[in-house]
């Protein structure tokens, strides 16, 4: 589970770096974009979207959980962990997960929008050359 989590956060990081290269290429058309960058943005963006949907789902579950549900979940945990977790912490974690999910979704959607803009810019340049 730790490896999957690290891979998801790594995909978010790589996606952000690729998006920065894309934005730089849009702002300064003289700086070329590598051929693999648009495909990388699509692939990493899809992974980010899946991860963000998971974060949104977990956040909604934690925020919408009733105190009775939380009490039942805490009872099922090992005794040493029962004292650490309380409903307030779970609600706070849910809100943080929701915030992260929203930010990641917006980031991925913006990068897809910038990618379309870059592709249109490239098509216009190709038509001018022809």
N, C-alpha and C. Protein backbone atom coordinates (compact mmCIF):
# COMPACT_ATOMS: atom_id res chain seq x y z
N UNK A 1 0.82 -1.18 0.00
CA UNK A 1 0.00 0.00 0.00
C UNK A 1 0.87 1.26 0.00
N UNK A 2 1.99 1.20 0.69
CA UNK A 2 2.89 2.35 0.75
C UNK A 2 3.49 2.61 -0.63
N UNK A 3 3.84 1.55 -1.33
CA UNK A 3 4.43 1.70 -2.66
C UNK A 3 3.43 2.33 -3.63
N UNK A 4 2.19 1.90 -3.57
CA UNK A 4 1.15 2.46 -4.45
C UNK A 4 0.94 3.93 -4.13
N UNK A 5 0.93 4.27 -2.85
CA UNK A 5 0.76 5.66 -2.45
C UNK A 5 1.94 6.51 -2.95
N UNK A 6 3.15 6.01 -2.81
CA UNK A 6 4.32 6.76 -3.29
C UNK A 6 4.29 6.91 -4.81
N UNK A 7 3.84 5.88 -5.51
CA UNK A 7 3.75 5.97 -6.97
C UNK A 7 2.70 7.00 -7.38
N UNK A 8 1.59 7.06 -6.68
CA UNK A 8 0.54 8.04 -7.00
C UNK A 8 1.04 9.46 -6.76
N UNK A 9 1.70 9.69 -5.63
CA UNK A 9 2.26 11.02 -5.36
C UNK A 9 3.37 11.34 -6.34
N UNK A 10 4.15 10.34 -6.74
CA UNK A 10 5.19 10.55 -7.75
C UNK A 10 4.59 10.94 -9.09
N UNK A 11 3.48 10.32 -9.46
CA UNK A 11 2.80 10.68 -10.70
C UNK A 11 2.32 12.12 -10.65
N UNK A 12 1.84 12.55 -9.50
CA UNK A 12 1.41 13.95 -9.34
C UNK A 12 2.59 14.90 -9.53
N UNK A 13 3.72 14.54 -8.96
CA UNK A 13 4.92 15.37 -9.06
C UNK A 13 5.41 15.43 -10.51
N UNK A 14 5.50 14.29 -11.16
CA UNK A 14 5.96 14.25 -12.55
C UNK A 14 4.99 15.01 -13.45
N UNK A 15 3.71 14.85 -13.21
CA UNK A 15 2.69 15.56 -13.99
C UNK A 15 2.87 17.07 -13.85
N UNK A 16 3.16 17.52 -12.64
CA UNK A 16 3.36 18.96 -12.42
C UNK A 16 4.59 19.48 -13.16
N UNK A 17 5.65 18.70 -13.16
CA UNK A 17 6.87 19.12 -13.88
C UNK A 17 6.61 19.18 -15.38
N UNK A 18 5.94 18.16 -15.91
CA UNK A 18 5.63 18.16 -17.34
C UNK A 18 4.71 19.34 -17.70
N UNK A 19 3.79 19.66 -16.80
CA UNK A 19 2.89 20.80 -17.04
C UNK A 19 3.66 22.11 -17.05
N UNK A 20 4.68 22.22 -16.21
CA UNK A 20 5.51 23.42 -16.21
C UNK A 20 6.25 23.58 -17.54
N UNK A 21 6.77 22.47 -18.06
CA UNK A 21 7.43 22.52 -19.37
C UNK A 21 6.44 22.94 -20.46
N UNK A 22 5.23 22.43 -20.37
CA UNK A 22 4.19 22.79 -21.34
C UNK A 22 3.85 24.27 -21.26
N UNK A 23 3.68 24.78 -20.06
CA UNK A 23 3.37 26.20 -19.89
C UNK A 23 4.51 27.07 -20.41
N UNK A 24 5.74 26.65 -20.16
CA UNK A 24 6.89 27.40 -20.66
C UNK A 24 6.88 27.42 -22.18
N UNK A 25 6.53 26.32 -22.80
CA UNK A 25 6.49 26.25 -24.25
C UNK A 25 5.36 27.11 -24.83
N UNK A 26 4.25 27.21 -24.11
CA UNK A 26 3.14 28.06 -24.56
C UNK A 26 3.53 29.53 -24.46
N UNK A 27 4.16 29.89 -23.34
CA UNK A 27 4.54 31.29 -23.14
C UNK A 27 5.68 31.72 -24.06
N UNK A 28 6.59 30.81 -24.31
CA UNK A 28 7.74 31.10 -25.18
C UNK A 28 7.79 30.05 -26.28
N UNK A 29 7.07 30.27 -27.40
CA UNK A 29 7.00 29.26 -28.47
C UNK A 29 8.36 28.90 -29.07
N UNK A 30 9.35 29.74 -28.85
CA UNK A 30 10.69 29.43 -29.38
C UNK A 30 11.32 28.25 -28.64
N UNK A 31 10.86 27.98 -27.43
CA UNK A 31 11.39 26.85 -26.66
C UNK A 31 10.58 25.61 -27.04
N UNK A 32 11.22 24.65 -27.70
CA UNK A 32 10.47 23.47 -28.15
C UNK A 32 10.12 22.55 -26.98
N UNK A 33 9.07 21.81 -27.19
CA UNK A 33 8.62 20.82 -26.22
C UNK A 33 9.05 19.44 -26.71
N UNK A 34 9.56 18.62 -25.81
CA UNK A 34 9.97 17.27 -26.20
C UNK A 34 8.77 16.51 -26.75
N UNK A 35 9.04 15.58 -27.65
CA UNK A 35 7.96 14.79 -28.26
C UNK A 35 7.20 13.94 -27.25
N UNK A 36 7.88 13.51 -26.19
CA UNK A 36 7.25 12.63 -25.22
C UNK A 36 6.42 13.38 -24.17
N UNK A 37 6.56 14.70 -24.10
CA UNK A 37 5.86 15.46 -23.06
C UNK A 37 4.34 15.42 -23.18
N UNK A 38 3.74 15.65 -24.37
CA UNK A 38 2.27 15.58 -24.43
C UNK A 38 1.71 14.21 -24.01
N UNK A 39 2.36 13.15 -24.45
CA UNK A 39 1.90 11.81 -24.05
C UNK A 39 2.08 11.58 -22.56
N UNK A 40 3.20 12.08 -22.01
CA UNK A 40 3.43 11.96 -20.58
C UNK A 40 2.40 12.71 -19.77
N UNK A 41 2.01 13.89 -20.27
CA UNK A 41 0.98 14.66 -19.57
C UNK A 41 -0.34 13.91 -19.58
N UNK A 42 -0.66 13.29 -20.71
CA UNK A 42 -1.92 12.52 -20.78
C UNK A 42 -1.90 11.33 -19.82
N UNK A 43 -0.81 10.58 -19.84
CA UNK A 43 -0.72 9.38 -19.00
C UNK A 43 -0.69 9.76 -17.52
N UNK A 44 0.22 10.66 -17.15
CA UNK A 44 0.32 11.06 -15.75
C UNK A 44 -0.94 11.80 -15.29
N UNK A 45 -1.54 12.57 -16.20
CA UNK A 45 -2.78 13.26 -15.86
C UNK A 45 -3.90 12.29 -15.56
N UNK A 46 -3.96 11.21 -16.30
CA UNK A 46 -4.98 10.18 -16.04
C UNK A 46 -4.75 9.53 -14.69
N UNK A 47 -3.49 9.24 -14.37
CA UNK A 47 -3.18 8.65 -13.06
C UNK A 47 -3.54 9.63 -11.95
N UNK A 48 -3.22 10.91 -12.17
CA UNK A 48 -3.56 11.94 -11.18
C UNK A 48 -5.08 12.04 -11.00
N UNK A 49 -5.82 11.96 -12.10
CA UNK A 49 -7.28 12.03 -12.00
C UNK A 49 -7.84 10.85 -11.21
N UNK A 50 -7.32 9.65 -11.45
CA UNK A 50 -7.77 8.48 -10.70
C UNK A 50 -7.45 8.65 -9.22
N UNK A 51 -6.23 9.11 -8.93
CA UNK A 51 -5.82 9.32 -7.55
C UNK A 51 -6.67 10.41 -6.89
N UNK A 52 -6.98 11.48 -7.63
CA UNK A 52 -7.78 12.55 -7.05
C UNK A 52 -9.21 12.08 -6.79
N UNK A 53 -9.75 11.25 -7.66
CA UNK A 53 -11.09 10.71 -7.43
C UNK A 53 -11.10 9.82 -6.18
N UNK A 54 -10.03 9.07 -5.99
CA UNK A 54 -9.91 8.25 -4.79
C UNK A 54 -9.85 9.14 -3.54
N UNK A 55 -9.07 10.21 -3.61
CA UNK A 55 -8.98 11.15 -2.48
C UNK A 55 -10.34 11.79 -2.20
N UNK A 56 -11.06 12.17 -3.24
CA UNK A 56 -12.38 12.76 -3.06
C UNK A 56 -13.35 11.75 -2.42
N UNK A 57 -13.29 10.51 -2.89
CA UNK A 57 -14.17 9.47 -2.35
C UNK A 57 -13.88 9.23 -0.87
N UNK A 58 -12.60 9.08 -0.52
CA UNK A 58 -12.22 8.85 0.88
C UNK A 58 -12.60 10.06 1.73
N UNK A 59 -12.35 11.25 1.20
CA UNK A 59 -12.70 12.46 1.94
C UNK A 59 -14.19 12.56 2.20
N UNK A 60 -14.99 12.25 1.18
CA UNK A 60 -16.44 12.29 1.37
C UNK A 60 -16.91 11.25 2.38
N UNK A 61 -16.31 10.06 2.32
CA UNK A 61 -16.69 9.03 3.29
C UNK A 61 -16.37 9.47 4.72
N UNK A 62 -15.19 10.05 4.91
CA UNK A 62 -14.80 10.46 6.26
C UNK A 62 -15.62 11.65 6.76
N UNK A 63 -15.90 12.59 5.89
CA UNK A 63 -16.67 13.76 6.31
C UNK A 63 -18.13 13.39 6.56
N UNK A 64 -18.68 12.51 5.75
CA UNK A 64 -20.10 12.16 5.86
C UNK A 64 -20.38 11.06 6.90
N UNK A 65 -19.33 10.48 7.46
CA UNK A 65 -19.54 9.39 8.42
C UNK A 65 -20.20 9.91 9.69
N UNK A 66 -21.17 9.16 10.17
CA UNK A 66 -21.86 9.53 11.41
C UNK A 66 -21.00 9.11 12.60
N UNK A 67 -21.21 9.71 13.75
CA UNK A 67 -20.44 9.32 14.94
C UNK A 67 -20.58 7.84 15.29
N UNK A 68 -21.76 7.28 15.03
CA UNK A 68 -21.96 5.85 15.32
C UNK A 68 -21.10 4.99 14.41
N UNK A 69 -21.02 5.38 13.14
CA UNK A 69 -20.19 4.62 12.19
C UNK A 69 -18.73 4.69 12.60
N UNK A 70 -18.28 5.86 13.00
CA UNK A 70 -16.88 6.04 13.40
C UNK A 70 -16.60 5.22 14.65
N UNK A 71 -17.53 5.21 15.58
CA UNK A 71 -17.35 4.42 16.81
C UNK A 71 -17.23 2.94 16.48
N UNK A 72 -18.04 2.45 15.56
CA UNK A 72 -17.97 1.04 15.16
C UNK A 72 -16.63 0.71 14.50
N UNK A 73 -16.16 1.61 13.65
CA UNK A 73 -14.87 1.38 12.97
C UNK A 73 -13.74 1.37 13.99
N UNK A 74 -13.79 2.29 14.95
CA UNK A 74 -12.74 2.35 15.97
C UNK A 74 -12.75 1.09 16.82
N UNK A 75 -13.92 0.55 17.11
CA UNK A 75 -14.00 -0.69 17.90
C UNK A 75 -13.35 -1.87 17.18
N UNK A 76 -13.35 -1.86 15.86
CA UNK A 76 -12.79 -2.97 15.09
C UNK A 76 -11.27 -2.88 14.97
N UNK A 77 -10.69 -1.77 15.36
CA UNK A 77 -9.24 -1.59 15.25
C UNK A 77 -8.55 -2.24 16.45
N UNK A 78 -7.24 -2.50 16.32
CA UNK A 78 -6.50 -3.03 17.47
C UNK A 78 -6.55 -2.05 18.65
N UNK A 79 -6.41 -2.59 19.85
CA UNK A 79 -6.58 -1.80 21.07
C UNK A 79 -5.61 -0.62 21.15
N UNK A 80 -4.37 -0.81 20.71
CA UNK A 80 -3.39 0.29 20.79
C UNK A 80 -3.71 1.44 19.83
N UNK A 81 -4.41 1.15 18.76
CA UNK A 81 -4.77 2.19 17.79
C UNK A 81 -6.08 2.89 18.16
N UNK A 82 -6.89 2.25 18.98
CA UNK A 82 -8.18 2.83 19.34
C UNK A 82 -8.02 4.14 20.11
N UNK A 83 -6.98 4.24 20.91
CA UNK A 83 -6.79 5.45 21.71
C UNK A 83 -6.27 6.62 20.87
N UNK A 84 -5.63 6.33 19.75
CA UNK A 84 -5.04 7.38 18.92
C UNK A 84 -6.08 8.05 18.04
N UNK A 85 -7.01 7.27 17.53
CA UNK A 85 -7.99 7.78 16.56
C UNK A 85 -9.24 8.26 17.30
N UNK A 86 -9.71 9.45 16.92
CA UNK A 86 -10.98 9.93 17.44
C UNK A 86 -11.76 10.57 16.29
N UNK A 87 -13.06 10.78 16.44
CA UNK A 87 -13.88 11.29 15.34
C UNK A 87 -13.41 12.63 14.79
N UNK A 88 -12.90 13.49 15.64
CA UNK A 88 -12.44 14.80 15.19
C UNK A 88 -11.27 14.68 14.22
N UNK A 89 -10.35 13.78 14.54
CA UNK A 89 -9.20 13.57 13.66
C UNK A 89 -9.67 13.01 12.31
N UNK A 90 -10.60 12.08 12.34
CA UNK A 90 -11.09 11.50 11.09
C UNK A 90 -11.81 12.53 10.23
N UNK A 91 -12.60 13.39 10.85
CA UNK A 91 -13.28 14.44 10.08
C UNK A 91 -12.26 15.41 9.48
N UNK A 92 -11.23 15.76 10.24
CA UNK A 92 -10.18 16.65 9.74
C UNK A 92 -9.42 15.99 8.57
N UNK A 93 -9.14 14.71 8.72
CA UNK A 93 -8.47 13.98 7.63
C UNK A 93 -9.34 13.95 6.39
N UNK A 94 -10.64 13.80 6.58
CA UNK A 94 -11.58 13.81 5.46
C UNK A 94 -11.58 15.15 4.74
N UNK A 95 -11.57 16.23 5.50
CA UNK A 95 -11.53 17.56 4.89
C UNK A 95 -10.23 17.78 4.12
N UNK A 96 -9.13 17.32 4.67
CA UNK A 96 -7.84 17.45 3.98
C UNK A 96 -7.83 16.62 2.70
N UNK A 97 -8.37 15.41 2.76
CA UNK A 97 -8.45 14.56 1.57
C UNK A 97 -9.31 15.22 0.49
N UNK A 98 -10.42 15.83 0.90
CA UNK A 98 -11.28 16.53 -0.05
C UNK A 98 -10.53 17.69 -0.70
N UNK A 99 -9.82 18.45 0.10
CA UNK A 99 -9.06 19.59 -0.43
C UNK A 99 -7.99 19.13 -1.41
N UNK A 100 -7.26 18.10 -1.05
CA UNK A 100 -6.22 17.56 -1.94
C UNK A 100 -6.84 17.04 -3.23
N UNK A 101 -7.95 16.32 -3.12
CA UNK A 101 -8.63 15.80 -4.31
C UNK A 101 -9.09 16.90 -5.24
N UNK A 102 -9.63 17.97 -4.68
CA UNK A 102 -10.09 19.09 -5.50
C UNK A 102 -8.92 19.77 -6.19
N UNK A 103 -7.85 20.00 -5.45
CA UNK A 103 -6.68 20.67 -6.04
C UNK A 103 -6.06 19.82 -7.15
N UNK A 104 -5.94 18.52 -6.93
CA UNK A 104 -5.37 17.64 -7.95
C UNK A 104 -6.25 17.58 -9.19
N UNK A 105 -7.56 17.54 -9.00
CA UNK A 105 -8.49 17.52 -10.13
C UNK A 105 -8.37 18.80 -10.95
N UNK A 106 -8.35 19.93 -10.27
CA UNK A 106 -8.20 21.21 -10.97
C UNK A 106 -6.87 21.28 -11.72
N UNK A 107 -5.80 20.83 -11.09
CA UNK A 107 -4.49 20.85 -11.71
C UNK A 107 -4.47 20.00 -12.97
N UNK A 108 -5.01 18.80 -12.90
CA UNK A 108 -5.01 17.92 -14.08
C UNK A 108 -5.87 18.50 -15.20
N UNK A 109 -7.03 19.04 -14.85
CA UNK A 109 -7.90 19.64 -15.87
C UNK A 109 -7.24 20.85 -16.52
N UNK A 110 -6.56 21.67 -15.75
CA UNK A 110 -5.85 22.81 -16.32
C UNK A 110 -4.74 22.36 -17.27
N UNK A 111 -4.01 21.33 -16.88
CA UNK A 111 -2.93 20.87 -17.75
C UNK A 111 -3.49 20.28 -19.05
N UNK A 112 -4.63 19.59 -18.98
CA UNK A 112 -5.26 19.08 -20.21
C UNK A 112 -5.70 20.24 -21.10
N UNK A 113 -6.21 21.30 -20.47
CA UNK A 113 -6.63 22.49 -21.22
C UNK A 113 -5.42 23.15 -21.88
N UNK A 114 -4.32 23.29 -21.13
CA UNK A 114 -3.10 23.87 -21.69
C UNK A 114 -2.54 23.01 -22.82
N UNK A 115 -2.68 21.69 -22.69
CA UNK A 115 -2.20 20.79 -23.74
C UNK A 115 -3.01 21.00 -25.02
N UNK A 116 -4.32 21.14 -24.90
CA UNK A 116 -5.15 21.42 -26.09
C UNK A 116 -4.75 22.76 -26.71
N UNK A 117 -4.51 23.75 -25.87
CA UNK A 117 -4.09 25.06 -26.36
C UNK A 117 -2.76 24.96 -27.11
N UNK A 118 -1.83 24.21 -26.56
CA UNK A 118 -0.52 24.03 -27.20
C UNK A 118 -0.68 23.32 -28.54
N UNK A 119 -1.54 22.28 -28.58
CA UNK A 119 -1.75 21.54 -29.82
C UNK A 119 -2.38 22.44 -30.88
N UNK A 120 -3.32 23.28 -30.49
CA UNK A 120 -3.91 24.21 -31.46
C UNK A 120 -2.86 25.19 -31.96
N UNK A 121 -2.00 25.63 -31.07
CA UNK A 121 -0.92 26.53 -31.45
C UNK A 121 0.01 25.86 -32.45
N UNK A 122 0.31 24.61 -32.24
CA UNK A 122 1.18 23.86 -33.14
C UNK A 122 0.52 23.66 -34.50
N UNK A 123 -0.78 23.38 -34.51
CA UNK A 123 -1.50 23.20 -35.77
C UNK A 123 -1.54 24.50 -36.57
N UNK A 124 -1.73 25.63 -35.87
CA UNK A 124 -1.74 26.92 -36.56
C UNK A 124 -0.37 27.21 -37.18
N UNK A 125 0.70 26.88 -36.46
CA UNK A 125 2.04 27.08 -36.99
C UNK A 125 2.29 26.19 -38.19
N UNK A 126 1.79 24.96 -38.15
CA UNK A 126 1.96 24.04 -39.28
C UNK A 126 1.19 24.54 -40.51
N UNK A 127 0.00 25.11 -40.30
CA UNK A 127 -0.77 25.64 -41.42
C UNK A 127 -0.10 26.87 -42.03
N UNK A 128 0.53 27.68 -41.21
CA UNK A 128 1.24 28.86 -41.70
C UNK A 128 2.45 28.46 -42.53
N UNK A 129 3.12 27.38 -42.14
CA UNK A 129 4.29 26.91 -42.86
C UNK A 129 3.93 26.31 -44.22
N UNK A 130 2.73 25.75 -44.31
CA UNK A 130 2.31 25.08 -45.54
C UNK A 130 1.85 26.12 -46.50
